[in-house]
Amino acid sequence: MEKNYRIAVLPGDGIGTEVMHAAQAVLEAVQPRVGRALALEWLPAGAQHYLDSGVALPETTLRRCESADAILFGAMGLPHVRGADGTEIIPQLDLRMHFDLYAGVRPIRTFRGLPTPLSNPKAEHIDLVLVRESTEGLFYARGRGDVRGDQEVFDTMRITRHGTTRICEFAFRLAARRAERLGRAGRVTNVDKANVFASMAFFRKVFEEVAARHPAVAADSGYVDAMALNLVMKPWTYDVLVTENMFGDILSDLIAALVGGMGMAPSGDIGDRHALFQPAHGTAPDIAGQGKANPTAMLLSAAMMLEWLAERSGDTALADGAALIERAVEQVFATGQVRPMEFGGMHSTADITRAATNALRAA
């Protein structure tokens, strides 16, 4: 009997809508292959919606997200749309906090057939995951800034034992699963600034306590500045990285550059009961409506969603669907059928989507 899953879709702003249409096409193609129905419910939210209605995240949208099996997110925010405090209208942060989506998961890998920005041939073997704590750290200060006149502002970093323990446990479980799937030893690297900040020394202390409970997975630590260097010099040596919110925000963009850019960077924001999946890129208003957006990150985010749903529901057919999408993306690049524009190619959003759906149907 066919099982049904309801997906709350928030396409958002700029190229968010364009890449979401690509994801919808691929998900529609995969459904008959795995015998599962995915009902995609498009919902309003974002910076443009804020301009039109005065509300960035409508209450009705939030309620529909609460009852959905998963949330699929495009991109939100426009540089010129800002609140009274000068910060952008970015409802995705509100969703993270509302649903307690504490694990920001950013997988990065190279694809055969696409050039790598790094000249070292070992760069062809980049395959790592950055796990970012998404509810604490410096982002805790959002909306809580201590503004003292026009002279100084204080934003406070918050690190708790609870928050650090659960993100480190998540990272070690992920490393163990990757070790089994990839047939290699698992490793978690903690990224902090423990030599300067008491909060980061505490983060490292808790990390080491969690590591002791997972002896089958190797563990080490590095300072964030040294890690930024090492991720450019030898990214192929890393497996799973775990870090604080702001460090993770910065490093996730850096690692995307290692494999060609944000158009290749999927992500998931995962909690104990809910999860949201989105490309790590922004709304790119400079190319919106031109068909130039690379939908790969969105397609791989949809695959991540299916994989999470499979694990959560015990429905292995969804995991099969995730694998089909990933293989289709791999195939169209490996065979040279398409090349995104950021790699010097001429293929549009529609071209890449069409190639991936055709490969999926023929698999």
Protein backbone atom coordinates (compact mmCIF):
# COMPACT_ATOMS: atom_id res chain seq x y z
CA MET A 1 0.00 0.00 0.00
CA GLU A 2 1.35 3.42 -0.95
CA LYS A 3 2.36 5.56 2.01
CA ASN A 4 1.79 9.30 2.01
CA TYR A 5 3.97 12.04 3.46
CA ARG A 6 3.12 15.71 3.65
CA ILE A 7 5.95 18.17 3.02
CA ALA A 8 5.65 21.83 3.98
CA VAL A 9 7.33 23.79 1.18
CA LEU A 10 8.61 27.32 1.85
CA PRO A 11 10.17 28.52 -1.43
CA GLY A 12 10.87 32.03 -0.13
CA ASP A 13 12.62 34.77 -2.08
CA GLY A 14 14.86 35.26 -5.10
CA ILE A 15 16.09 32.01 -6.61
CA GLY A 16 14.42 30.07 -3.79
CA THR A 17 11.29 29.60 -5.90
CA GLU A 18 13.29 28.57 -8.98
CA VAL A 19 15.31 25.86 -7.27
CA MET A 20 12.22 24.66 -5.39
CA HIS A 21 10.48 24.00 -8.71
CA ALA A 22 13.52 21.89 -9.60
CA ALA A 23 13.20 19.91 -6.37
CA GLN A 24 9.50 19.40 -6.98
CA ALA A 25 10.18 17.97 -10.44
CA VAL A 26 12.76 15.53 -9.09
CA LEU A 27 10.58 14.46 -6.17
CA GLU A 28 7.64 13.89 -8.52
CA ALA A 29 9.88 11.71 -10.67
CA VAL A 30 11.12 9.63 -7.75
CA GLN A 31 7.71 8.90 -6.20
CA PRO A 32 6.57 6.18 -8.64
CA ARG A 33 10.01 4.58 -8.43
CA VAL A 34 9.67 3.97 -4.70
CA GLY A 35 5.90 3.67 -4.34
CA ARG A 36 5.50 6.61 -1.99
CA ALA A 37 3.42 9.78 -2.31
CA LEU A 38 4.85 13.14 -1.28
CA ALA A 39 2.25 15.89 -1.01
CA LEU A 40 4.10 19.19 -1.37
CA GLU A 41 2.19 22.08 0.19
CA TRP A 42 3.60 25.46 -0.90
CA LEU A 43 3.35 28.06 1.86
CA PRO A 44 4.04 31.81 2.04
CA ALA A 45 6.91 33.31 4.06
CA GLY A 46 9.97 35.45 3.52
CA ALA A 47 11.20 38.96 2.98
CA GLN A 48 8.94 39.72 0.01
CA HIS A 49 5.96 38.42 1.94
CA TYR A 50 6.99 40.76 4.75
CA LEU A 51 6.97 43.70 2.33
CA ASP A 52 3.57 42.66 0.98
CA SER A 53 1.86 41.82 4.26
CA GLY A 54 3.96 43.09 7.16
CA VAL A 55 4.52 39.49 8.32
CA ALA A 56 7.59 37.39 7.44
CA LEU A 57 6.35 34.08 8.85
CA PRO A 58 2.54 33.84 8.96
CA GLU A 59 1.00 31.94 11.84
CA THR A 60 -0.90 29.70 9.40
CA THR A 61 2.39 28.76 7.71
CA LEU A 62 3.96 27.93 11.06
CA ARG A 63 1.01 25.73 12.04
CA ARG A 64 1.20 23.81 8.73
CA CYS A 65 4.93 23.30 9.27
CA GLU A 66 4.22 21.92 12.74
CA SER A 67 1.93 19.22 11.37
CA ALA A 68 4.04 18.33 8.31
CA ASP A 69 6.29 15.29 8.11
CA ALA A 70 9.20 17.50 7.00
CA ILE A 71 9.93 21.04 5.84
CA LEU A 72 11.57 21.81 2.50
CA PHE A 73 12.95 25.33 2.31
CA GLY A 74 14.25 27.37 -0.62
CA ALA A 75 15.93 30.61 0.40
CA MET A 76 14.72 33.69 2.25
CA GLY A 77 15.88 37.24 2.75
CA LEU A 78 16.56 40.25 0.56
CA PRO A 79 19.40 42.70 1.30
CA HIS A 80 17.12 45.75 1.22
CA VAL A 81 14.46 44.30 3.52
CA ARG A 82 15.47 44.94 7.11
CA GLY A 83 13.91 45.37 10.51
CA ALA A 84 14.11 48.36 12.80
CA ASP A 85 17.40 47.12 14.31
CA GLY A 86 19.09 47.03 10.91
CA THR A 87 19.18 43.24 10.56
CA GLU A 88 17.66 41.32 7.66
CA ILE A 89 14.25 39.67 7.71
CA ILE A 90 15.27 35.99 7.90
CA PRO A 91 12.43 33.71 9.10
CA GLN A 92 14.61 30.61 8.81
CA LEU A 93 16.23 31.54 12.12
CA ASP A 94 12.79 31.81 13.71
CA LEU A 95 11.97 28.32 12.42
CA ARG A 96 15.18 26.89 13.87
CA MET A 97 14.37 28.26 17.30
CA HIS A 98 10.65 27.40 17.19
CA PHE A 99 11.30 23.77 16.27
CA ASP A 100 14.54 23.46 18.27
CA LEU A 101 16.49 22.44 15.17
CA TYR A 102 19.81 22.28 16.96
CA ALA A 103 21.87 20.31 14.43
CA GLY A 104 22.86 22.20 11.30
CA VAL A 105 24.20 19.49 8.99
CA ARG A 106 26.30 20.63 6.01
CA PRO A 107 27.67 17.77 3.88
CA ILE A 108 30.25 18.66 1.23
CA ARG A 109 31.81 16.43 -1.41
CA THR A 110 33.32 16.64 -4.86
CA PHE A 111 31.55 15.27 -7.93
CA ARG A 112 33.30 13.39 -10.71
CA GLY A 113 33.14 15.38 -13.94
CA LEU A 114 33.26 18.79 -12.29
CA PRO A 115 36.51 20.73 -11.78
CA THR A 116 37.71 21.41 -8.25
CA PRO A 117 38.95 24.86 -7.22
CA LEU A 118 41.92 23.29 -5.43
CA SER A 119 44.80 22.16 -7.64
CA ASN A 120 45.88 19.24 -5.45
CA PRO A 121 44.58 15.98 -7.01
CA LYS A 122 43.54 14.80 -3.54
CA ALA A 123 40.77 17.40 -3.69
CA GLU A 124 38.83 14.92 -5.82
CA HIS A 125 38.27 12.97 -2.61
CA ILE A 126 36.72 15.65 -0.40
CA ASP A 127 33.82 14.13 1.54
CA LEU A 128 33.11 15.71 4.91
CA VAL A 129 30.21 16.97 7.01
CA LEU A 130 30.14 20.07 9.16
CA VAL A 131 27.76 19.81 12.12
CA ARG A 132 26.84 23.21 13.51
CA GLU A 133 25.08 23.82 16.82
CA SER A 134 22.21 26.03 15.68
CA THR A 135 20.36 27.26 18.77
CA GLU A 136 23.11 28.71 20.99
CA GLY A 137 26.54 30.24 20.48
CA LEU A 138 26.80 33.80 19.25
CA PHE A 139 23.48 33.52 17.41
CA TYR A 140 21.82 33.36 20.84
CA ALA A 141 22.31 37.15 20.89
CA ARG A 142 19.91 37.67 17.95
CA GLY A 143 17.20 39.99 19.24
CA ARG A 144 18.99 40.32 22.60
CA GLY A 145 21.75 42.79 21.72
CA ASP A 146 22.61 45.23 24.49
CA VAL A 147 22.66 48.55 22.63
CA ARG A 148 24.13 51.34 24.76
CA GLY A 149 23.34 54.58 23.03
CA ASP A 150 25.29 55.19 19.87
CA GLN A 151 28.64 54.16 21.33
CA GLU A 152 28.72 50.42 21.95
CA VAL A 153 26.74 47.20 21.54
CA PHE A 154 27.19 43.87 23.33
CA ASP A 155 26.18 40.54 21.80
CA THR A 156 26.54 37.63 24.20
CA MET A 157 27.60 34.09 23.31
CA ARG A 158 25.79 31.31 25.19
CA ILE A 159 27.20 27.79 25.52
CA THR A 160 25.36 25.24 27.70
CA ARG A 161 26.14 21.70 28.72
CA HIS A 162 22.80 20.52 27.35
CA GLY A 163 23.26 22.16 23.96
CA THR A 164 26.88 21.10 23.57
CA THR A 165 26.26 17.53 24.68
CA ARG A 166 23.47 16.90 22.23
CA ILE A 167 25.27 18.39 19.24
CA CYS A 168 28.42 16.39 20.02
CA GLU A 169 26.39 13.19 20.45
CA PHE A 170 24.77 13.90 17.08
CA ALA A 171 28.19 14.32 15.47
CA PHE A 172 29.55 11.06 16.87
CA ARG A 173 26.47 9.10 15.81
CA LEU A 174 26.78 10.59 12.34
CA ALA A 175 30.48 9.67 12.15
CA ALA A 176 29.69 6.09 13.15
CA ARG A 177 27.05 5.79 10.40
CA ARG A 178 29.42 7.28 7.84
CA ALA A 179 32.19 4.89 8.90
CA GLU A 180 29.87 1.94 8.27
CA ARG A 181 28.64 3.28 4.93
CA LEU A 182 32.05 4.37 3.60
CA GLY A 183 34.01 1.45 5.02
CA ARG A 184 36.53 3.59 6.84
CA ALA A 185 37.30 4.71 10.36
CA GLY A 186 35.09 7.50 11.67
CA ARG A 187 36.48 10.72 13.10
CA VAL A 188 34.99 13.81 14.72
CA THR A 189 36.99 17.04 14.90
CA ASN A 190 35.86 19.70 17.35
CA VAL A 191 36.40 23.29 16.16
CA ASP A 192 36.62 25.97 18.87
CA LYS A 193 38.65 28.88 20.25
CA ALA A 194 39.38 27.30 23.60
CA ASN A 195 42.68 29.15 24.00
CA VAL A 196 40.88 32.49 24.34
CA PHE A 197 37.27 32.12 25.48
CA ALA A 198 35.96 30.38 28.60
CA SER A 199 32.82 29.45 26.67
CA MET A 200 34.92 27.62 24.09
CA ALA A 201 37.06 25.90 26.72
CA PHE A 202 33.79 24.62 28.17
CA PHE A 203 32.62 23.49 24.73
CA ARG A 204 35.85 21.48 24.35
CA LYS A 205 35.51 19.98 27.82
CA VAL A 206 32.02 18.69 27.05
CA PHE A 207 33.16 17.46 23.63
CA GLU A 208 35.90 15.38 25.25
CA GLU A 209 33.41 13.91 27.73
CA VAL A 210 31.15 12.85 24.87
CA ALA A 211 34.10 11.50 22.88
CA ALA A 212 34.99 9.20 25.78
CA ARG A 213 31.58 7.55 25.36
CA HIS A 214 32.31 6.77 21.69
CA PRO A 215 35.69 5.00 21.70
CA ALA A 216 35.12 3.47 18.25
CA VAL A 217 35.22 6.94 16.66
CA ALA A 218 38.44 8.95 16.68
CA ALA A 219 38.29 12.44 18.15
CA ASP A 220 40.47 15.54 18.03
CA SER A 221 40.15 19.31 18.34
CA GLY A 222 41.46 22.39 16.55
CA TYR A 223 41.20 26.15 16.83
CA VAL A 224 38.88 27.77 14.32
CA ASP A 225 41.56 29.96 12.74
CA ALA A 226 43.87 26.98 12.18
CA MET A 227 40.91 24.97 10.89
CA ALA A 228 40.13 27.64 8.29
CA LEU A 229 43.70 27.19 7.04
CA ASN A 230 43.63 23.39 7.14
CA LEU A 231 40.30 23.18 5.34
CA VAL A 232 41.89 24.93 2.38
CA MET A 233 45.23 23.10 2.58
CA LYS A 234 44.00 19.52 3.24
CA PRO A 235 40.19 19.19 3.42
CA TRP A 236 40.32 15.56 2.27
CA THR A 237 41.72 14.59 5.68
CA TYR A 238 38.52 15.47 7.56
CA ASP A 239 35.37 13.47 8.21
CA VAL A 240 32.89 15.15 10.61
CA LEU A 241 33.44 18.60 12.11
CA VAL A 242 31.41 19.85 15.07
CA THR A 243 31.38 23.46 16.16
CA GLU A 244 29.59 26.47 17.63
CA ASN A 245 26.89 28.34 15.71
CA MET A 246 28.82 31.33 14.33
CA PHE A 247 31.97 29.33 13.55
CA GLY A 248 29.78 26.82 11.74
CA ASP A 249 28.05 29.57 9.78
CA ILE A 250 31.38 30.85 8.49
CA LEU A 251 33.09 27.51 7.88
CA SER A 252 30.09 26.07 6.03
CA ASP A 253 30.55 28.70 3.32
CA LEU A 254 34.29 28.04 3.22
CA ILE A 255 33.87 24.31 2.66
CA ALA A 256 31.27 24.94 -0.05
CA ALA A 257 33.90 26.93 -1.94
CA LEU A 258 36.22 23.91 -1.84
CA VAL A 259 33.89 21.98 -4.17
CA GLY A 260 32.78 24.80 -6.44
CA GLY A 261 30.44 27.06 -4.52
CA MET A 262 27.18 27.37 -2.66
CA GLY A 263 25.20 25.82 -5.50
CA MET A 264 26.73 22.47 -4.50
CA ALA A 265 26.00 22.79 -0.77
CA PRO A 266 22.90 21.07 0.64
CA SER A 267 21.96 21.26 4.29
CA GLY A 268 19.57 20.08 6.94
CA ASP A 269 18.49 21.68 10.21
CA ILE A 270 17.55 18.75 12.39
CA GLY A 271 15.95 18.42 15.80
CA ASP A 272 14.62 15.53 17.80
CA ARG A 273 11.09 15.80 16.33
CA HIS A 274 11.26 18.09 13.30
CA ALA A 275 13.65 18.83 10.47
CA LEU A 276 14.03 21.41 7.72
CA PHE A 277 16.11 20.93 4.58
CA GLN A 278 17.45 23.68 2.36
CA PRO A 279 20.29 24.62 0.04
CA ALA A 280 22.94 26.50 1.99
CA HIS A 281 22.98 29.35 -0.53
CA GLY A 282 21.06 32.59 -0.27
CA THR A 283 18.42 34.20 -2.47
CA ALA A 284 20.91 35.57 -5.05
CA PRO A 285 18.67 38.45 -6.17
CA ASP A 286 21.26 39.43 -8.79
CA ILE A 287 20.43 36.35 -10.88
CA ALA A 288 16.82 35.73 -9.81
CA GLY A 289 14.46 35.12 -12.70
CA GLN A 290 17.26 34.51 -15.19
CA GLY A 291 17.37 30.71 -15.05
CA LYS A 292 21.02 30.75 -14.01
CA ALA A 293 20.69 29.24 -10.53
CA ASN A 294 22.37 25.90 -9.93
CA PRO A 295 19.66 23.64 -8.40
CA THR A 296 22.08 20.93 -7.28
CA ALA A 297 22.15 21.99 -3.62
CA MET A 298 18.35 22.02 -3.57
CA LEU A 299 18.12 18.56 -5.17
CA LEU A 300 20.62 17.11 -2.70
CA SER A 301 18.74 18.78 0.17
CA ALA A 302 15.59 16.98 -1.01
CA ALA A 303 17.55 13.73 -0.94
CA MET A 304 18.68 14.52 2.61
CA MET A 305 15.04 15.04 3.52
CA LEU A 306 14.08 11.61 2.19
CA GLU A 307 16.96 10.01 4.05
CA TRP A 308 15.87 11.67 7.32
CA LEU A 309 12.26 10.64 6.78
CA ALA A 310 13.39 7.08 6.11
CA GLU A 311 15.31 6.95 9.38
CA ARG A 312 12.52 8.61 11.34
CA SER A 313 9.70 6.46 9.95
CA GLY A 314 11.58 3.22 9.34
CA ASP A 315 10.49 3.42 5.69
CA THR A 316 13.46 2.14 3.69
CA ALA A 317 11.76 2.98 0.38
CA LEU A 318 12.43 6.64 1.13
CA ALA A 319 16.12 5.89 1.62
CA ASP A 320 16.04 4.21 -1.79
CA GLY A 321 14.55 7.41 -3.19
CA ALA A 322 17.31 9.49 -1.66
CA ALA A 323 19.94 7.22 -3.20
CA LEU A 324 18.24 7.44 -6.62
CA ILE A 325 18.37 11.25 -6.54
CA GLU A 326 22.01 11.29 -5.48
CA ARG A 327 22.99 8.82 -8.20
CA ALA A 328 21.09 10.80 -10.83
CA VAL A 329 22.97 13.98 -9.87
CA GLU A 330 26.27 12.11 -9.88
CA GLN A 331 25.54 10.62 -13.30
CA VAL A 332 24.68 13.85 -15.12
CA PHE A 333 27.90 15.46 -13.97
CA ALA A 334 30.13 12.41 -14.44
CA THR A 335 28.94 11.89 -18.01
CA GLY A 336 29.30 15.57 -18.89
CA GLN A 337 25.62 16.01 -19.74
CA VAL A 338 25.47 19.31 -17.89
CA ARG A 339 27.81 21.76 -16.21
CA PRO A 340 26.53 24.56 -13.92
CA MET A 341 27.48 28.11 -14.80
CA GLU A 342 29.71 28.60 -11.76
CA PHE A 343 31.91 25.83 -13.22
CA GLY A 344 32.18 27.62 -16.54
CA GLY A 345 29.25 25.77 -18.10
CA MET A 346 26.28 27.15 -19.96
CA HIS A 347 23.50 24.97 -18.57
CA SER A 348 20.49 26.59 -16.94
CA THR A 349 18.41 25.64 -13.94
CA ALA A 350 15.94 23.93 -16.27
CA ASP A 351 18.72 22.05 -18.13
CA ILE A 352 20.16 20.58 -14.95
CA THR A 353 16.71 19.72 -13.60
CA ARG A 354 15.71 18.02 -16.84
CA ALA A 355 18.91 16.00 -16.98
CA ALA A 356 18.55 14.84 -13.38
CA THR A 357 14.89 13.83 -13.77
CA ASN A 358 15.64 11.96 -16.99
CA ALA A 359 18.53 10.10 -15.35
CA LEU A 360 16.33 9.27 -12.38
CA ARG A 361 13.55 7.85 -14.56
CA ALA A 362 16.03 5.79 -16.58
CA ALA A 363 17.87 4.40 -13.55
